[in-house]
Amino acid sequence: MTAIARFGAISLDSRDPRRLGQFYRALLDFEIRYESEELVVLRGDGVTLTIEHVADHQPPDWPGNQVPKQMHLDLFVTDLDTAERAAITVGALKPASQPCPDRWRVLLDPSGHPFCLTVMTSGGE
């Protein structure tokens, strides 16, 4: 089968793209390829992450559902505790609700998007 499209980027909405771009640059060691008040483009590990300005962006209220999450990132780490501390140091927040803290940690980026730190098992889970 021939592809209809080619994967381009993961895009996140934010009231403050520059702040969120700096957070993900520090968290993932991605390179900032473009930066303006309206758009930040980061690239690393074969992935492009864009952050787009949305003036009325409402962060998800995870784990609630008043404003549901639209997506989240799973980020593989070698040590949960070390990665959690480092992510918080660069601006992540840790919500009280942690569904499975021995397998993954849910954190929130500076715009309120949830993301998970998880240790990848040998089976790729």
N, C-alpha and C. Protein backbone atom coordinates (compact mmCIF):
# COMPACT_ATOMS: atom_id res chain seq x y z
N MET A 1 0.83 -1.18 0.00
CA MET A 1 0.00 0.00 0.00
C MET A 1 0.89 1.25 0.00
N THR A 2 0.52 2.21 -0.77
CA THR A 2 1.25 3.47 -0.85
C THR A 2 0.68 4.45 0.18
N ALA A 3 1.57 5.11 0.89
CA ALA A 3 1.12 6.07 1.91
C ALA A 3 0.41 7.24 1.26
N ILE A 4 -0.62 7.70 1.91
CA ILE A 4 -1.35 8.89 1.47
C ILE A 4 -0.62 10.14 1.92
N ALA A 5 0.02 10.05 3.08
CA ALA A 5 0.71 11.20 3.65
C ALA A 5 1.97 10.72 4.35
N ARG A 6 2.79 11.67 4.72
CA ARG A 6 4.02 11.39 5.45
C ARG A 6 3.93 12.11 6.79
N PHE A 7 4.30 11.44 7.86
CA PHE A 7 4.24 12.06 9.18
C PHE A 7 5.08 13.32 9.20
N GLY A 8 4.50 14.42 9.71
CA GLY A 8 5.20 15.69 9.73
C GLY A 8 5.69 16.08 11.11
N ALA A 9 4.75 16.24 12.05
CA ALA A 9 5.13 16.73 13.37
C ALA A 9 4.02 16.45 14.37
N ILE A 10 4.37 16.51 15.60
CA ILE A 10 3.42 16.53 16.71
C ILE A 10 3.28 18.00 17.07
N SER A 11 2.04 18.47 17.19
CA SER A 11 1.80 19.88 17.48
C SER A 11 1.04 20.03 18.79
N LEU A 12 1.49 20.96 19.60
CA LEU A 12 0.83 21.28 20.86
C LEU A 12 0.37 22.73 20.83
N ASP A 13 -0.77 23.00 21.43
CA ASP A 13 -1.28 24.36 21.58
C ASP A 13 -0.77 24.93 22.90
N SER A 14 -0.57 26.25 22.91
CA SER A 14 -0.10 26.90 24.13
C SER A 14 -0.40 28.39 24.07
N ARG A 15 -0.64 28.99 25.21
CA ARG A 15 -0.73 30.46 25.28
C ARG A 15 0.64 31.09 25.14
N ASP A 16 1.69 30.32 25.50
CA ASP A 16 3.06 30.84 25.50
C ASP A 16 4.00 29.84 24.81
N PRO A 17 4.01 29.85 23.46
CA PRO A 17 4.84 28.88 22.73
C PRO A 17 6.32 28.93 23.08
N ARG A 18 6.85 30.11 23.31
CA ARG A 18 8.29 30.21 23.63
C ARG A 18 8.62 29.51 24.94
N ARG A 19 7.82 29.73 25.95
CA ARG A 19 8.05 29.09 27.25
C ARG A 19 7.95 27.57 27.11
N LEU A 20 6.92 27.09 26.42
CA LEU A 20 6.74 25.66 26.25
C LEU A 20 7.85 25.08 25.39
N GLY A 21 8.30 25.83 24.38
CA GLY A 21 9.41 25.38 23.55
C GLY A 21 10.69 25.22 24.35
N GLN A 22 10.96 26.17 25.24
CA GLN A 22 12.16 26.07 26.08
C GLN A 22 12.06 24.86 27.01
N PHE A 23 10.86 24.59 27.52
CA PHE A 23 10.66 23.43 28.39
C PHE A 23 10.99 22.14 27.64
N TYR A 24 10.41 21.95 26.45
CA TYR A 24 10.66 20.72 25.71
C TYR A 24 12.09 20.65 25.16
N ARG A 25 12.71 21.80 24.87
CA ARG A 25 14.12 21.80 24.48
C ARG A 25 14.96 21.24 25.61
N ALA A 26 14.71 21.70 26.83
CA ALA A 26 15.48 21.23 27.98
C ALA A 26 15.14 19.78 28.34
N LEU A 27 13.88 19.42 28.25
CA LEU A 27 13.46 18.08 28.64
C LEU A 27 13.97 17.02 27.67
N LEU A 28 13.93 17.30 26.37
CA LEU A 28 14.26 16.31 25.35
C LEU A 28 15.60 16.54 24.65
N ASP A 29 16.27 17.65 24.96
CA ASP A 29 17.51 18.05 24.29
C ASP A 29 17.30 18.17 22.78
N PHE A 30 16.16 18.75 22.39
CA PHE A 30 15.85 19.01 20.99
C PHE A 30 16.40 20.37 20.60
N GLU A 31 16.64 20.55 19.33
CA GLU A 31 17.14 21.82 18.79
C GLU A 31 15.95 22.69 18.38
N ILE A 32 16.01 23.96 18.74
CA ILE A 32 14.99 24.90 18.27
C ILE A 32 15.36 25.28 16.84
N ARG A 33 14.46 24.95 15.91
CA ARG A 33 14.69 25.24 14.49
C ARG A 33 14.07 26.56 14.06
N TYR A 34 13.00 26.97 14.77
CA TYR A 34 12.32 28.22 14.44
C TYR A 34 11.61 28.67 15.70
N GLU A 35 11.58 30.00 15.92
CA GLU A 35 10.92 30.52 17.11
C GLU A 35 10.34 31.90 16.83
N SER A 36 9.06 32.05 17.12
CA SER A 36 8.39 33.35 17.05
C SER A 36 7.32 33.38 18.13
N GLU A 37 6.60 34.48 18.21
CA GLU A 37 5.50 34.58 19.18
C GLU A 37 4.38 33.61 18.85
N GLU A 38 4.27 33.21 17.60
CA GLU A 38 3.16 32.36 17.13
C GLU A 38 3.52 30.89 17.00
N LEU A 39 4.80 30.58 16.83
CA LEU A 39 5.18 29.21 16.53
C LEU A 39 6.62 28.93 16.96
N VAL A 40 6.81 27.75 17.56
CA VAL A 40 8.14 27.25 17.87
C VAL A 40 8.23 25.87 17.24
N VAL A 41 9.34 25.61 16.55
CA VAL A 41 9.57 24.31 15.92
C VAL A 41 10.85 23.72 16.52
N LEU A 42 10.72 22.53 17.09
CA LEU A 42 11.85 21.81 17.65
C LEU A 42 12.07 20.53 16.88
N ARG A 43 13.33 20.07 16.84
CA ARG A 43 13.64 18.84 16.10
C ARG A 43 14.70 18.06 16.86
N GLY A 44 14.50 16.75 16.94
CA GLY A 44 15.48 15.88 17.57
C GLY A 44 15.04 14.44 17.45
N ASP A 45 16.00 13.54 17.40
CA ASP A 45 15.72 12.11 17.32
C ASP A 45 14.74 11.76 16.20
N GLY A 46 14.82 12.48 15.08
CA GLY A 46 13.95 12.20 13.94
C GLY A 46 12.52 12.66 14.12
N VAL A 47 12.25 13.44 15.15
CA VAL A 47 10.89 13.90 15.45
C VAL A 47 10.86 15.42 15.40
N THR A 48 9.77 15.95 14.85
CA THR A 48 9.54 17.39 14.88
C THR A 48 8.39 17.66 15.83
N LEU A 49 8.59 18.60 16.72
CA LEU A 49 7.56 19.02 17.67
C LEU A 49 7.31 20.50 17.43
N THR A 50 6.05 20.86 17.16
CA THR A 50 5.72 22.27 16.98
C THR A 50 4.81 22.70 18.12
N ILE A 51 4.95 23.96 18.50
CA ILE A 51 4.11 24.55 19.53
C ILE A 51 3.51 25.81 18.94
N GLU A 52 2.19 25.81 18.89
CA GLU A 52 1.47 26.88 18.21
C GLU A 52 0.71 27.74 19.21
N HIS A 53 0.74 29.05 18.98
CA HIS A 53 0.04 29.99 19.85
C HIS A 53 -1.48 29.87 19.67
N VAL A 54 -2.17 29.66 20.78
CA VAL A 54 -3.63 29.68 20.82
C VAL A 54 -4.00 30.54 22.02
N ALA A 55 -4.52 31.73 21.75
CA ALA A 55 -4.77 32.72 22.80
C ALA A 55 -5.71 32.20 23.89
N ASP A 56 -6.71 31.44 23.51
CA ASP A 56 -7.68 30.97 24.51
C ASP A 56 -7.47 29.51 24.88
N HIS A 57 -6.23 29.03 24.77
CA HIS A 57 -5.93 27.64 25.11
C HIS A 57 -6.35 27.34 26.55
N GLN A 58 -7.10 26.27 26.71
CA GLN A 58 -7.50 25.78 28.03
C GLN A 58 -6.76 24.49 28.29
N PRO A 59 -5.88 24.45 29.29
CA PRO A 59 -5.16 23.22 29.55
C PRO A 59 -6.10 22.11 30.01
N PRO A 60 -5.79 20.88 29.68
CA PRO A 60 -6.59 19.77 30.18
C PRO A 60 -6.57 19.77 31.71
N ASP A 61 -7.63 19.32 32.32
CA ASP A 61 -7.69 19.29 33.78
C ASP A 61 -7.42 17.88 34.32
N TRP A 62 -6.49 17.18 33.68
CA TRP A 62 -6.17 15.82 34.05
C TRP A 62 -5.93 15.71 35.55
N PRO A 63 -6.49 14.74 36.24
CA PRO A 63 -7.18 13.57 35.73
C PRO A 63 -8.68 13.76 35.55
N GLY A 64 -9.16 14.98 35.70
CA GLY A 64 -10.58 15.24 35.48
C GLY A 64 -10.92 15.17 34.00
N ASN A 65 -12.14 15.58 33.68
CA ASN A 65 -12.56 15.51 32.29
C ASN A 65 -13.39 16.71 31.87
N GLN A 66 -13.39 17.79 32.68
CA GLN A 66 -14.07 19.02 32.26
C GLN A 66 -13.47 19.52 30.95
N VAL A 67 -12.16 19.59 30.93
CA VAL A 67 -11.41 19.89 29.71
C VAL A 67 -10.53 18.67 29.46
N PRO A 68 -10.97 17.75 28.60
CA PRO A 68 -10.23 16.50 28.42
C PRO A 68 -8.91 16.72 27.70
N LYS A 69 -7.97 15.81 27.97
CA LYS A 69 -6.71 15.85 27.23
C LYS A 69 -7.01 15.42 25.80
N GLN A 70 -6.31 16.01 24.88
CA GLN A 70 -6.47 15.67 23.48
C GLN A 70 -5.45 14.61 23.07
N MET A 71 -4.33 14.60 23.72
CA MET A 71 -3.24 13.67 23.45
C MET A 71 -2.25 13.78 24.58
N HIS A 72 -1.32 12.86 24.65
CA HIS A 72 -0.19 13.03 25.56
C HIS A 72 1.02 12.33 24.98
N LEU A 73 2.18 12.70 25.48
CA LEU A 73 3.44 12.11 25.04
C LEU A 73 3.88 11.07 26.06
N ASP A 74 4.37 9.94 25.57
CA ASP A 74 5.04 8.95 26.40
C ASP A 74 6.53 9.09 26.14
N LEU A 75 7.27 9.41 27.17
CA LEU A 75 8.71 9.64 27.05
C LEU A 75 9.45 8.55 27.80
N PHE A 76 10.32 7.83 27.10
CA PHE A 76 11.05 6.72 27.69
C PHE A 76 12.26 7.22 28.46
N VAL A 77 12.45 6.69 29.66
CA VAL A 77 13.57 7.06 30.53
C VAL A 77 14.19 5.79 31.09
N THR A 78 15.38 5.92 31.65
CA THR A 78 16.03 4.75 32.25
C THR A 78 15.74 4.64 33.75
N ASP A 79 15.46 5.77 34.41
CA ASP A 79 15.17 5.76 35.84
C ASP A 79 14.06 6.77 36.12
N LEU A 80 12.95 6.28 36.63
CA LEU A 80 11.78 7.15 36.86
C LEU A 80 12.06 8.28 37.84
N ASP A 81 12.66 7.96 38.98
CA ASP A 81 12.88 8.98 40.00
C ASP A 81 13.81 10.09 39.51
N THR A 82 14.91 9.69 38.87
CA THR A 82 15.87 10.67 38.36
C THR A 82 15.24 11.54 37.28
N ALA A 83 14.53 10.91 36.35
CA ALA A 83 13.89 11.66 35.26
C ALA A 83 12.80 12.59 35.79
N GLU A 84 12.04 12.13 36.76
CA GLU A 84 10.99 12.98 37.34
C GLU A 84 11.60 14.23 37.96
N ARG A 85 12.65 14.06 38.76
CA ARG A 85 13.30 15.22 39.39
C ARG A 85 13.82 16.20 38.33
N ALA A 86 14.45 15.66 37.29
CA ALA A 86 15.01 16.52 36.24
C ALA A 86 13.90 17.26 35.49
N ALA A 87 12.80 16.58 35.20
CA ALA A 87 11.69 17.22 34.49
C ALA A 87 11.08 18.33 35.33
N ILE A 88 10.94 18.10 36.62
CA ILE A 88 10.39 19.14 37.51
C ILE A 88 11.35 20.32 37.58
N THR A 89 12.64 20.05 37.58
CA THR A 89 13.63 21.13 37.61
C THR A 89 13.51 22.05 36.41
N VAL A 90 13.15 21.50 35.23
CA VAL A 90 13.04 22.35 34.04
C VAL A 90 11.62 22.90 33.84
N GLY A 91 10.70 22.64 34.78
CA GLY A 91 9.39 23.30 34.70
C GLY A 91 8.17 22.42 34.73
N ALA A 92 8.32 21.10 34.79
CA ALA A 92 7.15 20.22 34.85
C ALA A 92 6.50 20.31 36.23
N LEU A 93 5.23 20.00 36.28
CA LEU A 93 4.50 19.90 37.53
C LEU A 93 4.03 18.46 37.71
N LYS A 94 3.96 18.01 38.96
CA LYS A 94 3.52 16.64 39.24
C LYS A 94 2.15 16.70 39.90
N PRO A 95 1.11 16.21 39.21
CA PRO A 95 -0.21 16.18 39.83
C PRO A 95 -0.26 15.11 40.92
N ALA A 96 -1.19 15.27 41.86
CA ALA A 96 -1.32 14.31 42.96
C ALA A 96 -1.73 12.93 42.46
N SER A 97 -2.58 12.88 41.46
CA SER A 97 -3.07 11.61 40.95
C SER A 97 -1.99 10.93 40.11
N GLN A 98 -1.58 9.75 40.52
CA GLN A 98 -0.57 8.96 39.82
C GLN A 98 -1.10 7.53 39.70
N PRO A 99 -1.71 7.17 38.56
CA PRO A 99 -2.37 5.88 38.42
C PRO A 99 -1.47 4.66 38.62
N CYS A 100 -0.22 4.74 38.23
CA CYS A 100 0.67 3.58 38.32
C CYS A 100 2.11 4.06 38.50
N PRO A 101 2.42 4.70 39.63
CA PRO A 101 3.71 5.36 39.78
C PRO A 101 4.92 4.44 39.75
N ASP A 102 4.74 3.15 39.94
CA ASP A 102 5.88 2.25 39.86
C ASP A 102 6.23 1.92 38.41
N ARG A 103 5.31 2.20 37.45
CA ARG A 103 5.56 1.92 36.03
C ARG A 103 5.69 3.19 35.20
N TRP A 104 4.96 4.26 35.57
CA TRP A 104 5.08 5.52 34.85
C TRP A 104 4.67 6.66 35.77
N ARG A 105 5.13 7.85 35.43
CA ARG A 105 4.81 9.06 36.19
C ARG A 105 4.13 10.03 35.23
N VAL A 106 3.01 10.55 35.66
CA VAL A 106 2.31 11.56 34.88
C VAL A 106 2.77 12.92 35.39
N LEU A 107 3.23 13.75 34.47
CA LEU A 107 3.63 15.12 34.78
C LEU A 107 2.89 16.04 33.83
N LEU A 108 2.88 17.33 34.16
CA LEU A 108 2.24 18.33 33.32
C LEU A 108 3.29 19.30 32.82
N ASP A 109 3.25 19.62 31.52
CA ASP A 109 4.18 20.62 30.99
C ASP A 109 3.71 22.01 31.40
N PRO A 110 4.48 23.07 31.14
CA PRO A 110 4.08 24.40 31.59
C PRO A 110 2.75 24.92 31.01
N SER A 111 2.25 24.31 29.94
CA SER A 111 0.93 24.70 29.42
C SER A 111 -0.17 23.76 29.89
N GLY A 112 0.15 22.82 30.76
CA GLY A 112 -0.84 21.93 31.34
C GLY A 112 -1.07 20.63 30.61
N HIS A 113 -0.32 20.36 29.52
CA HIS A 113 -0.48 19.11 28.80
C HIS A 113 0.13 17.97 29.62
N PRO A 114 -0.61 16.89 29.87
CA PRO A 114 -0.01 15.76 30.56
C PRO A 114 0.97 15.02 29.65
N PHE A 115 2.04 14.51 30.24
CA PHE A 115 2.94 13.60 29.54
C PHE A 115 3.41 12.57 30.56
N CYS A 116 3.83 11.43 30.06
CA CYS A 116 4.23 10.34 30.94
C CYS A 116 5.71 10.03 30.77
N LEU A 117 6.38 9.85 31.89
CA LEU A 117 7.72 9.30 31.89
C LEU A 117 7.56 7.81 32.19
N THR A 118 8.16 6.97 31.38
CA THR A 118 8.01 5.53 31.58
C THR A 118 9.30 4.82 31.20
N VAL A 119 9.55 3.72 31.87
CA VAL A 119 10.70 2.89 31.55
C VAL A 119 10.25 1.86 30.53
N MET A 120 10.88 1.87 29.38
CA MET A 120 10.51 0.93 28.34
C MET A 120 11.00 -0.45 28.72
N THR A 121 10.09 -1.42 28.67
CA THR A 121 10.45 -2.80 29.00
C THR A 121 11.08 -3.46 27.80
N SER A 122 11.63 -4.63 27.99
CA SER A 122 12.29 -5.35 26.89
C SER A 122 11.29 -5.71 25.79
N GLY A 123 10.00 -5.81 26.13
CA GLY A 123 8.98 -6.11 25.12
C GLY A 123 8.52 -4.88 24.37
N GLY A 124 9.09 -3.69 24.66
CA GLY A 124 8.73 -2.47 23.95
C GLY A 124 7.49 -1.80 24.49
N GLU A 125 7.01 -2.22 25.66
CA GLU A 125 5.81 -1.62 26.23
C GLU A 125 6.12 -0.33 26.93
